[in-house]
PDB file of all heavy atoms in Angstrom:
ATOM      1  N   PRO A   1     310.576 190.975 284.508  1.00  0.00           N
ATOM      2  CA  PRO A   1     310.981 190.578 283.157  1.00  0.00           C
ATOM      3  C   PRO A   1     309.971 191.071 282.126  1.00  0.00           C
ATOM      4  O   PRO A   1     308.778 190.873 282.319  1.00  0.00           O
ATOM      5  CB  PRO A   1     311.013 189.041 283.262  1.00  0.00           C
ATOM      6  CG  PRO A   1     310.096 188.681 284.354  1.00  0.00           C
ATOM      7  CD  PRO A   1     310.188 189.810 285.339  1.00  0.00           C
ATOM      8  N   ASP A   2     310.466 191.704 281.123  1.00  0.00           N
ATOM      9  CA  ASP A   2     309.594 192.354 280.134  1.00  0.00           C
ATOM     10  C   ASP A   2     309.583 191.685 278.793  1.00  0.00           C
ATOM     11  O   ASP A   2     308.708 191.822 278.010  1.00  0.00           O
ATOM     12  CB  ASP A   2     309.991 193.828 279.998  1.00  0.00           C
ATOM     13  CG  ASP A   2     308.777 194.713 279.631  1.00  0.00           C
ATOM     14  OD1 ASP A   2     307.708 194.441 280.094  1.00  0.00           O
ATOM     15  OD2 ASP A   2     309.019 195.632 278.807  1.00  0.00           O
ATOM     16  N   ALA A   3     310.688 190.962 278.518  1.00  0.00           N
ATOM     17  CA  ALA A   3     310.797 190.307 277.203  1.00  0.00           C
ATOM     18  C   ALA A   3     311.741 189.083 277.323  1.00  0.00           C
ATOM     19  O   ALA A   3     312.639 189.077 278.173  1.00  0.00           O
ATOM     20  CB  ALA A   3     311.388 191.277 276.192  1.00  0.00           C
ATOM     21  N   VAL A   4     311.472 188.105 276.447  1.00  0.00           N
ATOM     22  CA  VAL A   4     312.316 186.904 276.411  1.00  0.00           C
ATOM     23  C   VAL A   4     312.632 186.611 274.958  1.00  0.00           C
ATOM     24  O   VAL A   4     311.725 186.755 274.084  1.00  0.00           O
ATOM     25  CB  VAL A   4     311.585 185.693 277.005  1.00  0.00           C
ATOM     26  CG1 VAL A   4     312.454 184.435 276.919  1.00  0.00           C
ATOM     27  CG2 VAL A   4     311.150 185.938 278.437  1.00  0.00           C
ATOM     28  N   ASP A   5     313.852 186.211 274.663  1.00  0.00           N
ATOM     29  CA  ASP A   5     314.223 185.789 273.324  1.00  0.00           C
ATOM     30  C   ASP A   5     315.161 184.587 273.435  1.00  0.00           C
ATOM     31  O   ASP A   5     315.961 184.502 274.371  1.00  0.00           O
ATOM     32  CB  ASP A   5     314.933 186.914 272.563  1.00  0.00           C
ATOM     33  CG  ASP A   5     315.222 186.498 271.137  1.00  0.00           C
ATOM     34  OD1 ASP A   5     314.252 186.310 270.351  1.00  0.00           O
ATOM     35  OD2 ASP A   5     316.401 186.293 270.805  1.00  0.00           O
ATOM     36  N   SER A   6     315.033 183.661 272.492  1.00  0.00           N
ATOM     37  CA  SER A   6     315.914 182.511 272.455  1.00  0.00           C
ATOM     38  C   SER A   6     316.445 182.301 271.047  1.00  0.00           C
ATOM     39  O   SER A   6     315.709 182.438 270.075  1.00  0.00           O
ATOM     40  CB  SER A   6     315.149 181.253 272.909  1.00  0.00           C
ATOM     41  OG  SER A   6     316.004 180.114 272.780  1.00  0.00           O
ATOM     42  N   ASP A   7     317.725 181.979 270.978  1.00  0.00           N
ATOM     43  CA  ASP A   7     318.320 181.650 269.682  1.00  0.00           C
ATOM     44  C   ASP A   7     318.504 180.155 269.520  1.00  0.00           C
ATOM     45  O   ASP A   7     319.208 179.687 268.614  1.00  0.00           O
ATOM     46  CB  ASP A   7     319.653 182.407 269.500  1.00  0.00           C
ATOM     47  CG  ASP A   7     320.677 182.093 270.604  1.00  0.00           C
ATOM     48  OD1 ASP A   7     320.571 181.039 271.225  1.00  0.00           O
ATOM     49  OD2 ASP A   7     321.561 182.951 270.813  1.00  0.00           O
ATOM     50  N   GLY A   8     317.921 179.388 270.445  1.00  0.00           N
ATOM     51  CA  GLY A   8     318.058 177.923 270.427  1.00  0.00           C
ATOM     52  C   GLY A   8     319.147 177.422 271.339  1.00  0.00           C
ATOM     53  O   GLY A   8     319.119 176.270 271.787  1.00  0.00           O
ATOM     54  N   THR A   9     320.124 178.239 271.639  1.00  0.00           N
ATOM     55  CA  THR A   9     321.222 177.879 272.552  1.00  0.00           C
ATOM     56  C   THR A   9     321.061 178.615 273.856  1.00  0.00           C
ATOM     57  O   THR A   9     321.226 178.040 274.938  1.00  0.00           O
ATOM     58  CB  THR A   9     322.579 178.177 271.933  1.00  0.00           C
ATOM     59  OG1 THR A   9     322.711 177.485 270.706  1.00  0.00           O
ATOM     60  CG2 THR A   9     323.735 177.783 272.860  1.00  0.00           C
ATOM     61  N   HIS A  10     320.790 179.933 273.740  1.00  0.00           N
ATOM     62  CA  HIS A  10     320.648 180.788 274.918  1.00  0.00           C
ATOM     63  C   HIS A  10     319.218 181.330 274.995  1.00  0.00           C
ATOM     64  O   HIS A  10     318.555 181.503 273.961  1.00  0.00           O
ATOM     65  CB  HIS A  10     321.611 182.006 274.819  1.00  0.00           C
ATOM     66  CG  HIS A  10     322.983 181.626 274.435  1.00  0.00           C
ATOM     67  ND1 HIS A  10     323.933 181.296 275.330  1.00  0.00           N
ATOM     68  CD2 HIS A  10     323.602 181.613 273.218  1.00  0.00           C
ATOM     69  CE1 HIS A  10     325.079 181.050 274.712  1.00  0.00           C
ATOM     70  NE2 HIS A  10     324.871 181.230 273.424  1.00  0.00           N
ATOM     71  N   VAL A  11     318.789 181.636 276.165  1.00  0.00           N
ATOM     72  CA  VAL A  11     317.549 182.386 276.382  1.00  0.00           C
ATOM     73  C   VAL A  11     317.945 183.674 277.091  1.00  0.00           C
ATOM     74  O   VAL A  11     318.705 183.654 278.079  1.00  0.00           O
ATOM     75  CB  VAL A  11     316.554 181.590 277.313  1.00  0.00           C
ATOM     76  CG1 VAL A  11     315.321 182.421 277.571  1.00  0.00           C
ATOM     77  CG2 VAL A  11     316.205 180.279 276.655  1.00  0.00           C
ATOM     78  N   TRP A  12     317.456 184.791 276.583  1.00  0.00           N
ATOM     79  CA  TRP A  12     317.823 186.106 277.129  1.00  0.00           C
ATOM     80  C   TRP A  12     316.552 186.759 277.646  1.00  0.00           C
ATOM     81  O   TRP A  12     315.561 186.878 276.959  1.00  0.00           O
ATOM     82  CB  TRP A  12     318.437 186.980 276.045  1.00  0.00           C
ATOM     83  CG  TRP A  12     319.673 186.358 275.453  1.00  0.00           C
ATOM     84  CD1 TRP A  12     319.743 185.582 274.325  1.00  0.00           C
ATOM     85  CD2 TRP A  12     320.985 186.416 275.979  1.00  0.00           C
ATOM     86  NE1 TRP A  12     321.044 185.187 274.123  1.00  0.00           N
ATOM     87  CE2 TRP A  12     321.809 185.683 275.104  1.00  0.00           C
ATOM     88  CE3 TRP A  12     321.549 187.043 277.053  1.00  0.00           C
ATOM     89  CZ2 TRP A  12     323.185 185.557 275.342  1.00  0.00           C
ATOM     90  CZ3 TRP A  12     322.923 186.918 277.267  1.00  0.00           C
ATOM     91  CH2 TRP A  12     323.708 186.174 276.416  1.00  0.00           C
ATOM     92  N   VAL A  13     316.601 187.166 278.931  1.00  0.00           N
ATOM     93  CA  VAL A  13     315.450 187.784 279.575  1.00  0.00           C
ATOM     94  C   VAL A  13     315.807 189.205 279.937  1.00  0.00           C
ATOM     95  O   VAL A  13     316.768 189.471 280.690  1.00  0.00           O
ATOM     96  CB  VAL A  13     315.067 187.029 280.857  1.00  0.00           C
ATOM     97  CG1 VAL A  13     313.825 187.660 281.497  1.00  0.00           C
ATOM     98  CG2 VAL A  13     314.792 185.557 280.552  1.00  0.00           C
ATOM     99  N   ALA A  14     315.065 190.194 279.398  1.00  0.00           N
ATOM    100  CA  ALA A  14     315.272 191.600 279.714  1.00  0.00           C
ATOM    101  C   ALA A  14     314.505 191.944 280.994  1.00  0.00           C
ATOM    102  O   ALA A  14     313.281 191.810 281.033  1.00  0.00           O
ATOM    103  CB  ALA A  14     314.789 192.465 278.550  1.00  0.00           C
ATOM    104  N   ASN A  15     315.205 192.303 282.039  1.00  0.00           N
ATOM    105  CA  ASN A  15     314.623 192.636 283.331  1.00  0.00           C
ATOM    106  C   ASN A  15     314.435 194.119 283.419  1.00  0.00           C
ATOM    107  O   ASN A  15     315.358 194.868 283.730  1.00  0.00           O
ATOM    108  CB  ASN A  15     315.542 192.141 284.455  1.00  0.00           C
ATOM    109  CG  ASN A  15     315.648 190.637 284.446  1.00  0.00           C
ATOM    110  OD1 ASN A  15     314.679 189.915 284.622  1.00  0.00           O
ATOM    111  ND2 ASN A  15     316.869 190.117 284.269  1.00  0.00           N
ATOM    112  N   TYR A  16     313.214 194.546 283.200  1.00  0.00           N
ATOM    113  CA  TYR A  16     312.853 195.983 283.098  1.00  0.00           C
ATOM    114  C   TYR A  16     313.304 196.771 284.330  1.00  0.00           C
ATOM    115  O   TYR A  16     314.045 197.722 284.232  1.00  0.00           O
ATOM    116  CB  TYR A  16     311.358 196.144 282.868  1.00  0.00           C
ATOM    117  CG  TYR A  16     310.870 197.556 282.771  1.00  0.00           C
ATOM    118  CD1 TYR A  16     311.145 198.285 281.625  1.00  0.00           C
ATOM    119  CD2 TYR A  16     310.188 198.142 283.820  1.00  0.00           C
ATOM    120  CE1 TYR A  16     310.729 199.616 281.548  1.00  0.00           C
ATOM    121  CE2 TYR A  16     309.751 199.473 283.716  1.00  0.00           C
ATOM    122  CZ  TYR A  16     310.020 200.192 282.570  1.00  0.00           C
ATOM    123  OH  TYR A  16     309.625 201.483 282.478  1.00  0.00           O
ATOM    124  N   LEU A  17     312.880 196.353 285.511  1.00  0.00           N
ATOM    125  CA  LEU A  17     313.201 197.104 286.720  1.00  0.00           C
ATOM    126  C   LEU A  17     314.564 196.699 287.310  1.00  0.00           C
ATOM    127  O   LEU A  17     315.129 197.427 288.131  1.00  0.00           O
ATOM    128  CB  LEU A  17     312.109 196.920 287.797  1.00  0.00           C
ATOM    129  CG  LEU A  17     310.746 197.530 287.447  1.00  0.00           C
ATOM    130  CD1 LEU A  17     309.745 197.274 288.586  1.00  0.00           C
ATOM    131  CD2 LEU A  17     310.882 199.031 287.178  1.00  0.00           C
ATOM    132  N   GLY A  18     315.096 195.582 286.853  1.00  0.00           N
ATOM    133  CA  GLY A  18     316.386 195.160 287.382  1.00  0.00           C
ATOM    134  C   GLY A  18     317.557 195.738 286.612  1.00  0.00           C
ATOM    135  O   GLY A  18     318.698 195.583 287.022  1.00  0.00           O
ATOM    136  N   ASN A  19     317.266 196.443 285.490  1.00  0.00           N
ATOM    137  CA  ASN A  19     318.330 196.980 284.650  1.00  0.00           C
ATOM    138  C   ASN A  19     319.419 195.932 284.384  1.00  0.00           C
ATOM    139  O   ASN A  19     320.602 196.183 284.571  1.00  0.00           O
ATOM    140  CB  ASN A  19     318.919 198.270 285.227  1.00  0.00           C
ATOM    141  CG  ASN A  19     317.958 199.423 285.161  1.00  0.00           C
ATOM    142  OD1 ASN A  19     317.238 199.533 284.188  1.00  0.00           O
ATOM    143  ND2 ASN A  19     317.904 200.234 286.180  1.00  0.00           N
ATOM    144  N   SER A  20     318.910 194.763 284.001  1.00  0.00           N
ATOM    145  CA  SER A  20     319.831 193.650 283.754  1.00  0.00           C
ATOM    146  C   SER A  20     319.252 192.725 282.681  1.00  0.00           C
ATOM    147  O   SER A  20     318.071 192.883 282.280  1.00  0.00           O
ATOM    148  CB  SER A  20     320.043 192.846 285.046  1.00  0.00           C
ATOM    149  OG  SER A  20     318.834 192.267 285.494  1.00  0.00           O
ATOM    150  N   VAL A  21     320.060 191.781 282.261  1.00  0.00           N
ATOM    151  CA  VAL A  21     319.612 190.727 281.348  1.00  0.00           C
ATOM    152  C   VAL A  21     320.045 189.413 281.944  1.00  0.00           C
ATOM    153  O   VAL A  21     321.194 189.253 282.343  1.00  0.00           O
ATOM    154  CB  VAL A  21     320.229 190.917 279.929  1.00  0.00           C
ATOM    155  CG1 VAL A  21     319.886 189.754 279.033  1.00  0.00           C
ATOM    156  CG2 VAL A  21     319.733 192.237 279.331  1.00  0.00           C
ATOM    157  N   THR A  22     319.137 188.452 282.053  1.00  0.00           N
ATOM    158  CA  THR A  22     319.411 187.129 282.566  1.00  0.00           C
ATOM    159  C   THR A  22     319.599 186.200 281.389  1.00  0.00           C
ATOM    160  O   THR A  22     318.767 186.143 280.513  1.00  0.00           O
ATOM    161  CB  THR A  22     318.272 186.643 283.492  1.00  0.00           C
ATOM    162  OG1 THR A  22     318.099 187.546 284.569  1.00  0.00           O
ATOM    163  CG2 THR A  22     318.602 185.272 284.049  1.00  0.00           C
ATOM    164  N   GLU A  23     320.702 185.433 281.393  1.00  0.00           N
ATOM    165  CA  GLU A  23     320.960 184.440 280.380  1.00  0.00           C
ATOM    166  C   GLU A  23     320.716 183.053 280.959  1.00  0.00           C
ATOM    167  O   GLU A  23     321.206 182.716 282.032  1.00  0.00           O
ATOM    168  CB  GLU A  23     322.402 184.517 279.867  1.00  0.00           C
ATOM    169  CG  GLU A  23     322.744 183.495 278.847  1.00  0.00           C
ATOM    170  CD  GLU A  23     324.217 183.426 278.470  1.00  0.00           C
ATOM    171  OE1 GLU A  23     325.007 184.207 279.008  1.00  0.00           O
ATOM    172  OE2 GLU A  23     324.549 182.544 277.654  1.00  0.00           O
ATOM    173  N   LEU A  24     319.912 182.256 280.236  1.00  0.00           N
ATOM    174  CA  LEU A  24     319.633 180.882 280.618  1.00  0.00           C
ATOM    175  C   LEU A  24     320.076 179.941 279.518  1.00  0.00           C
ATOM    176  O   LEU A  24     320.225 180.342 278.366  1.00  0.00           O
ATOM    177  CB  LEU A  24     318.103 180.696 280.791  1.00  0.00           C
ATOM    178  CG  LEU A  24     317.333 181.667 281.648  1.00  0.00           C
ATOM    179  CD1 LEU A  24     315.826 181.450 281.512  1.00  0.00           C
ATOM    180  CD2 LEU A  24     317.789 181.576 283.085  1.00  0.00           C
ATOM    181  N   SER A  25     320.282 178.689 279.846  1.00  0.00           N
ATOM    182  CA  SER A  25     320.547 177.650 278.856  1.00  0.00           C
ATOM    183  C   SER A  25     319.207 177.266 278.240  1.00  0.00           C
ATOM    184  O   SER A  25     318.282 176.929 278.966  1.00  0.00           O
ATOM    185  CB  SER A  25     321.197 176.453 279.542  1.00  0.00           C
ATOM    186  OG  SER A  25     321.143 175.338 278.650  1.00  0.00           O
ATOM    187  N   ALA A  26     319.114 177.297 276.926  1.00  0.00           N
ATOM    188  CA  ALA A  26     317.834 176.935 276.242  1.00  0.00           C
ATOM    189  C   ALA A  26     317.545 175.465 276.442  1.00  0.00           C
ATOM    190  O   ALA A  26     316.365 175.086 276.488  1.00  0.00           O
ATOM    191  CB  ALA A  26     317.902 177.312 274.772  1.00  0.00           C
ATOM    192  N   SER A  27     318.530 174.637 276.526  1.00  0.00           N
ATOM    193  CA  SER A  27     318.272 173.194 276.611  1.00  0.00           C
ATOM    194  C   SER A  27     317.831 172.735 278.000  1.00  0.00           C
ATOM    195  O   SER A  27     317.067 171.813 278.134  1.00  0.00           O
ATOM    196  CB  SER A  27     319.506 172.383 276.177  1.00  0.00           C
ATOM    197  OG  SER A  27     320.612 172.670 277.006  1.00  0.00           O
ATOM    198  N   THR A  28     318.330 173.437 279.040  1.00  0.00           N
ATOM    199  CA  THR A  28     318.018 173.012 280.408  1.00  0.00           C
ATOM    200  C   THR A  28     317.243 174.037 281.201  1.00  0.00           C
ATOM    201  O   THR A  28     316.676 173.684 282.267  1.00  0.00           O
ATOM    202  CB  THR A  28     319.318 172.678 281.178  1.00  0.00           C
ATOM    203  OG1 THR A  28     320.077 173.876 281.297  1.00  0.00           O
ATOM    204  CG2 THR A  28     320.120 171.599 280.492  1.00  0.00           C
ATOM    205  N   GLY A  29     317.251 175.294 280.765  1.00  0.00           N
ATOM    206  CA  GLY A  29     316.589 176.339 281.552  1.00  0.00           C
ATOM    207  C   GLY A  29     317.385 176.775 282.774  1.00  0.00           C
ATOM    208  O   GLY A  29     316.904 177.575 283.564  1.00  0.00           O
ATOM    209  N   THR A  30     318.610 176.293 282.923  1.00  0.00           N
ATOM    210  CA  THR A  30     319.420 176.686 284.076  1.00  0.00           C
ATOM    211  C   THR A  30     320.050 178.076 283.863  1.00  0.00           C
ATOM    212  O   THR A  30     320.287 178.504 282.736  1.00  0.00           O
ATOM    213  CB  THR A  30     320.559 175.654 284.335  1.00  0.00           C
ATOM    214  OG1 THR A  30     321.350 175.557 283.159  1.00  0.00           O
ATOM    215  CG2 THR A  30     319.972 174.305 284.705  1.00  0.00           C
ATOM    216  N   LEU A  31     320.307 178.699 284.990  1.00  0.00           N
ATOM    217  CA  LEU A  31     320.909 180.039 284.953  1.00  0.00           C
ATOM    218  C   LEU A  31     322.352 179.948 284.487  1.00  0.00           C
ATOM    219  O   LEU A  31     323.141 179.143 284.978  1.00  0.00           O
ATOM    220  CB  LEU A  31     320.901 180.672 286.374  1.00  0.00           C
ATOM    221  CG  LEU A  31     321.557 182.009 286.555  1.00  0.00           C
ATOM    222  CD1 LEU A  31     320.787 183.070 285.805  1.00  0.00           C
ATOM    223  CD2 LEU A  31     321.615 182.368 288.027  1.00  0.00           C
ATOM    224  N   VAL A  32     322.696 180.797 283.500  1.00  0.00           N
ATOM    225  CA  VAL A  32     324.055 180.898 283.043  1.00  0.00           C
ATOM    226  C   VAL A  32     324.737 182.096 283.712  1.00  0.00           C
ATOM    227  O   VAL A  32     325.774 181.991 284.318  1.00  0.00           O
ATOM    228  CB  VAL A  32     324.110 181.033 281.493  1.00  0.00           C
ATOM    229  CG1 VAL A  32     325.564 181.248 281.021  1.00  0.00           C
ATOM    230  CG2 VAL A  32     323.559 179.791 280.849  1.00  0.00           C
ATOM    231  N   GLN A  33     324.062 183.290 283.605  1.00  0.00           N
ATOM    232  CA  GLN A  33     324.585 184.488 284.221  1.00  0.00           C
ATOM    233  C   GLN A  33     323.535 185.567 284.208  1.00  0.00           C
ATOM    234  O   GLN A  33     322.599 185.518 283.448  1.00  0.00           O
ATOM    235  CB  GLN A  33     325.850 184.968 283.509  1.00  0.00           C
ATOM    236  CG  GLN A  33     325.611 185.432 282.072  1.00  0.00           C
ATOM    237  CD  GLN A  33     326.864 185.892 281.377  1.00  0.00           C
ATOM    238  OE1 GLN A  33     327.743 186.467 282.000  1.00  0.00           O
ATOM    239  NE2 GLN A  33     326.988 185.640 280.093  1.00  0.00           N
ATOM    240  N   VAL A  34     323.771 186.568 285.073  1.00  0.00           N
ATOM    241  CA  VAL A  34     323.005 187.790 285.038  1.00  0.00           C
ATOM    242  C   VAL A  34     323.965 188.898 284.631  1.00  0.00           C
ATOM    243  O   VAL A  34     325.019 189.103 285.244  1.00  0.00           O
ATOM    244  CB  VAL A  34     322.384 188.131 286.430  1.00  0.00           C
ATOM    245  CG1 VAL A  34     321.622 189.438 286.356  1.00  0.00           C
ATOM    246  CG2 VAL A  34     321.460 186.999 286.838  1.00  0.00           C
ATOM    247  N   VAL A  35     323.624 189.549 283.505  1.00  0.00           N
ATOM    248  CA  VAL A  35     324.478 190.636 282.951  1.00  0.00           C
ATOM    249  C   VAL A  35     323.919 191.963 283.490  1.00  0.00           C
ATOM    250  O   VAL A  35     322.757 192.296 283.225  1.00  0.00           O
ATOM    251  CB  VAL A  35     324.449 190.595 281.421  1.00  0.00           C
ATOM    252  CG1 VAL A  35     325.306 191.674 280.820  1.00  0.00           C
ATOM    253  CG2 VAL A  35     324.891 189.226 280.909  1.00  0.00           C
ATOM    254  N   SER A  36     324.770 192.697 284.190  1.00  0.00           N
ATOM    255  CA  SER A  36     324.342 193.983 284.702  1.00  0.00           C
ATOM    256  C   SER A  36     325.583 194.853 284.945  1.00  0.00           C
ATOM    257  O   SER A  36     326.695 194.370 284.887  1.00  0.00           O
ATOM    258  CB  SER A  36     323.541 193.857 285.995  1.00  0.00           C
ATOM    259  OG  SER A  36     324.344 193.304 287.005  1.00  0.00           O
ATOM    260  N   GLY A  37     325.368 196.112 285.220  1.00  0.00           N
ATOM    261  CA  GLY A  37     326.486 197.001 285.539  1.00  0.00           C
ATOM    262  C   GLY A  37     326.427 198.258 284.703  1.00  0.00           C
ATOM    263  O   GLY A  37     325.761 198.313 283.693  1.00  0.00           O
ATOM    264  N   ARG A  38     327.145 199.268 285.155  1.00  0.00           N
ATOM    265  CA  ARG A  38     327.130 200.568 284.484  1.00  0.00           C
ATOM    266  C   ARG A  38     327.639 200.528 283.036  1.00  0.00           C
ATOM    267  O   ARG A  38     327.145 201.248 282.198  1.00  0.00           O
ATOM    268  CB  ARG A  38     328.000 201.545 285.272  1.00  0.00           C
ATOM    269  CG  ARG A  38     327.369 201.947 286.542  1.00  0.00           C
ATOM    270  CD  ARG A  38     328.218 202.992 287.254  1.00  0.00           C
ATOM    271  NE  ARG A  38     327.614 203.362 288.493  1.00  0.00           N
ATOM    272  CZ  ARG A  38     327.188 204.546 288.792  1.00  0.00           C
ATOM    273  NH1 ARG A  38     327.366 205.528 287.948  1.00  0.00           N
ATOM    274  NH2 ARG A  38     326.621 204.776 289.945  1.00  0.00           N
ATOM    275  N   SER A  39     328.607 199.662 282.742  1.00  0.00           N
ATOM    276  CA  SER A  39     329.164 199.647 281.393  1.00  0.00           C
ATOM    277  C   SER A  39     328.124 199.217 280.333  1.00  0.00           C
ATOM    278  O   SER A  39     328.237 199.610 279.169  1.00  0.00           O
ATOM    279  CB  SER A  39     330.378 198.755 281.328  1.00  0.00           C
ATOM    280  OG  SER A  39     330.037 197.416 281.616  1.00  0.00           O
ATOM    281  N   TYR A  40     327.116 198.477 280.747  1.00  0.00           N
ATOM    282  CA  TYR A  40     326.080 198.030 279.792  1.00  0.00           C
ATOM    283  C   TYR A  40     325.054 199.114 279.511  1.00  0.00           C
ATOM    284  O   TYR A  40     324.287 199.023 278.598  1.00  0.00           O
ATOM    285  CB  TYR A  40     325.398 196.792 280.324  1.00  0.00           C
ATOM    286  CG  TYR A  40     326.318 195.582 280.362  1.00  0.00           C
ATOM    287  CD1 TYR A  40     327.001 195.271 281.560  1.00  0.00           C
ATOM    288  CD2 TYR A  40     326.546 194.797 279.264  1.00  0.00           C
ATOM    289  CE1 TYR A  40     327.883 194.191 281.633  1.00  0.00           C
ATOM    290  CE2 TYR A  40     327.407 193.729 279.320  1.00  0.00           C
ATOM    291  CZ  TYR A  40     328.070 193.431 280.496  1.00  0.00           C
ATOM    292  OH  TYR A  40     328.914 192.352 280.544  1.00  0.00           O
ATOM    293  N   ARG A  41     324.964 200.081 280.400  1.00  0.00           N
ATOM    294  CA  ARG A  41     324.011 201.189 280.318  1.00  0.00           C
ATOM    295  C   ARG A  41     322.579 200.726 280.122  1.00  0.00           C
ATOM    296  O   ARG A  41     321.797 201.344 279.406  1.00  0.00           O
ATOM    297  CB  ARG A  41     324.424 202.197 279.194  1.00  0.00           C
ATOM    298  CG  ARG A  41     325.619 202.974 279.631  1.00  0.00           C
ATOM    299  CD  ARG A  41     325.779 204.201 278.830  1.00  0.00           C
ATOM    300  NE  ARG A  41     326.983 204.071 278.047  1.00  0.00           N
ATOM    301  CZ  ARG A  41     327.171 204.705 276.904  1.00  0.00           C
ATOM    302  NH1 ARG A  41     326.242 205.449 276.380  1.00  0.00           N
ATOM    303  NH2 ARG A  41     328.273 204.529 276.232  1.00  0.00           N
ATOM    304  N   PHE A  42     322.217 199.633 280.763  1.00  0.00           N
ATOM    305  CA  PHE A  42     320.800 199.216 280.769  1.00  0.00           C
ATOM    306  C   PHE A  42     319.992 200.245 281.517  1.00  0.00           C
ATOM    307  O   PHE A  42     320.358 200.699 282.600  1.00  0.00           O
ATOM    308  CB  PHE A  42     320.604 197.845 281.447  1.00  0.00           C
ATOM    309  CG  PHE A  42     321.276 196.707 280.738  1.00  0.00           C
ATOM    310  CD1 PHE A  42     322.049 195.783 281.444  1.00  0.00           C
ATOM    311  CD2 PHE A  42     321.124 196.523 279.379  1.00  0.00           C
ATOM    312  CE1 PHE A  42     322.620 194.713 280.818  1.00  0.00           C
ATOM    313  CE2 PHE A  42     321.714 195.459 278.717  1.00  0.00           C
ATOM    314  CZ  PHE A  42     322.453 194.544 279.432  1.00  0.00           C
ATOM    315  N   ASP A  43     318.897 200.684 280.931  1.00  0.00           N
ATOM    316  CA  ASP A  43     317.989 201.631 281.542  1.00  0.00           C
ATOM    317  C   ASP A  43     316.562 201.222 281.193  1.00  0.00           C
ATOM    318  O   ASP A  43     316.072 201.567 280.144  1.00  0.00           O
ATOM    319  CB  ASP A  43     318.305 203.064 281.071  1.00  0.00           C
ATOM    320  CG  ASP A  43     317.598 204.107 281.880  1.00  0.00           C
ATOM    321  OD1 ASP A  43     316.752 203.773 282.770  1.00  0.00           O
ATOM    322  OD2 ASP A  43     317.831 205.336 281.634  1.00  0.00           O
TER     323      ASP A  43
END
């Protein structure tokens, strides 16, 4: 993980080597989803 940002509702974690973004709940810290795949063109 290279960066984290929160808008108060969601926490977004940029996973440098995972070519993905992990979304967490800001209120609980629980996993919401991992966003990845070719269509996102994460590099």
